[in-house]
Amino acid sequence: ETDAEYMGIKSKFLQDKIHPRLKRLEKFAAGKQHILDDNIHLVDFFLYQVLYLISKIDDTIFSAYPNLFHQMRTFEAIPEIKAYHETETFKTKPILTPNVALKMAPGPRTVTKL
């Protein structure tokens, strides 16, 4: 796949699958420190992981979702999470999904079915 094809697939995926879900979550998250209320729950860990992965697909996406962006930053500010993110154990790349591997090399990006 060429860069243009990749960007088309990515754009369609974000528009059709991600934005509708983020819009609903954005409304639900309004006025809360964490997704359910002001206390942290297990679901906040799962939500953070999903939001983090989405941010790696599009690093500007959360400019349209300030409540979700706030929740990500609130989660990252938890002292134990912040400390973990500063270790060598925490890896920001590569990120692979079960169905698709994105080749992150210079030049054209390719999408390969696993």
Protein backbone atom coordinates (compact mmCIF):
# COMPACT_ATOMS: atom_id res chain seq x y z
CA GLU A 1 0.00 0.00 0.00
CA THR A 2 1.18 3.51 -0.75
CA ASP A 3 1.18 6.39 1.73
CA ALA A 4 -1.96 7.77 0.05
CA GLU A 5 -3.75 4.42 0.33
CA TYR A 6 -2.68 4.06 3.96
CA MET A 7 -3.89 7.57 4.79
CA GLY A 8 -7.22 6.85 3.08
CA ILE A 9 -7.71 3.64 5.07
CA LYS A 10 -6.69 5.39 8.28
CA SER A 11 -8.99 8.34 7.64
CA LYS A 12 -11.97 6.10 6.88
CA PHE A 13 -11.28 3.99 9.97
CA LEU A 14 -11.08 7.04 12.22
CA GLN A 15 -14.18 8.65 10.70
CA ASP A 16 -16.37 5.54 10.61
CA LYS A 17 -15.25 3.65 13.71
CA ILE A 18 -13.39 5.88 16.15
CA HIS A 19 -14.95 9.34 16.07
CA PRO A 20 -18.56 8.15 16.69
CA ARG A 21 -17.42 6.23 19.78
CA LEU A 22 -15.22 9.03 21.06
CA LYS A 23 -18.10 11.51 20.71
CA ARG A 24 -20.28 9.33 22.97
CA LEU A 25 -17.46 8.85 25.48
CA GLU A 26 -16.69 12.57 25.44
CA LYS A 27 -20.23 13.39 26.57
CA PHE A 28 -20.17 10.65 29.20
CA ALA A 29 -16.81 11.84 30.57
CA ALA A 30 -17.86 15.47 31.03
CA GLY A 31 -17.25 16.79 34.52
CA LYS A 32 -15.53 13.68 35.86
CA GLN A 33 -11.93 13.01 36.80
CA HIS A 34 -12.24 9.40 35.63
CA ILE A 35 -14.76 7.70 33.34
CA LEU A 36 -17.27 6.62 36.01
CA ASP A 37 -16.78 9.31 38.66
CA ASP A 38 -13.96 11.06 40.49
CA ASN A 39 -12.51 7.77 41.79
CA ILE A 40 -10.29 5.49 39.76
CA HIS A 41 -11.72 2.12 38.76
CA LEU A 42 -10.42 -0.84 36.77
CA VAL A 43 -12.27 0.40 33.69
CA ASP A 44 -10.07 3.53 33.71
CA PHE A 45 -7.02 1.36 33.04
CA PHE A 46 -8.72 -0.27 30.06
CA LEU A 47 -9.99 3.06 28.76
CA TYR A 48 -6.55 4.64 29.05
CA GLN A 49 -4.99 1.83 27.02
CA VAL A 50 -7.55 2.27 24.23
CA LEU A 51 -7.20 6.06 24.22
CA TYR A 52 -3.41 5.75 24.23
CA LEU A 53 -3.51 3.44 21.20
CA ILE A 54 -5.86 5.79 19.38
CA SER A 55 -3.49 8.68 20.10
CA LYS A 56 -0.72 6.71 18.41
CA ILE A 57 -2.83 6.38 15.26
CA ASP A 58 -3.64 10.11 15.24
CA ASP A 59 -1.72 12.34 17.65
CA THR A 60 -4.11 15.28 17.15
CA ILE A 61 -7.40 13.42 17.62
CA PHE A 62 -7.98 14.50 21.22
CA SER A 63 -8.02 18.19 20.34
CA ALA A 64 -11.69 17.51 19.50
CA TYR A 65 -12.28 15.65 22.78
CA PRO A 66 -11.07 17.78 25.72
CA ASN A 67 -12.81 15.67 28.40
CA LEU A 68 -11.11 12.49 27.19
CA PHE A 69 -7.79 14.31 26.86
CA HIS A 70 -8.19 15.52 30.46
CA GLN A 71 -8.90 11.97 31.61
CA MET A 72 -5.78 10.68 29.86
CA ARG A 73 -3.63 13.34 31.50
CA THR A 74 -5.27 12.75 34.90
CA PHE A 75 -4.53 9.02 34.60
CA GLU A 76 -0.93 9.67 33.53
CA ALA A 77 -0.46 11.99 36.52
CA ILE A 78 -1.17 9.21 39.04
CA PRO A 79 2.23 8.92 40.78
CA GLU A 80 2.58 5.16 40.21
CA ILE A 81 1.58 5.47 36.53
CA LYS A 82 3.89 8.43 36.01
CA ALA A 83 6.77 6.52 37.61
CA TYR A 84 6.09 3.50 35.39
CA HIS A 85 6.01 5.66 32.24
CA GLU A 86 9.48 6.92 33.15
CA THR A 87 10.99 3.41 33.27
CA GLU A 88 12.67 1.49 30.46
CA THR A 89 9.95 -1.16 30.83
CA PHE A 90 7.34 1.21 29.43
CA LYS A 91 7.51 1.09 25.66
CA THR A 92 5.77 3.54 23.39
CA LYS A 93 6.49 1.60 20.15
CA PRO A 94 5.97 -0.67 18.36
CA ILE A 95 2.24 -1.07 18.73
CA LEU A 96 0.71 -4.07 17.00
CA THR A 97 -2.93 -5.07 16.86
CA PRO A 98 -4.04 -8.68 16.52
CA ASN A 99 -5.14 -8.18 12.89
CA VAL A 100 -2.83 -5.62 11.34
CA ALA A 101 0.83 -4.77 11.64
CA LEU A 102 1.91 -1.31 10.48
CA LYS A 103 5.42 -1.22 9.13
CA MET A 104 6.89 1.93 10.67
CA ALA A 105 9.95 2.39 8.50
CA PRO A 106 11.11 5.36 6.47
CA GLY A 107 9.33 5.56 3.16
CA PRO A 108 5.90 4.20 2.27
CA ARG A 109 3.93 2.57 5.04
CA THR A 110 2.54 -0.87 4.34
CA VAL A 111 -0.39 -2.67 5.86
CA THR A 112 0.14 -6.38 6.25
CA LYS A 113 -2.50 -8.88 7.33
CA LEU A 114 -1.10 -11.25 9.94
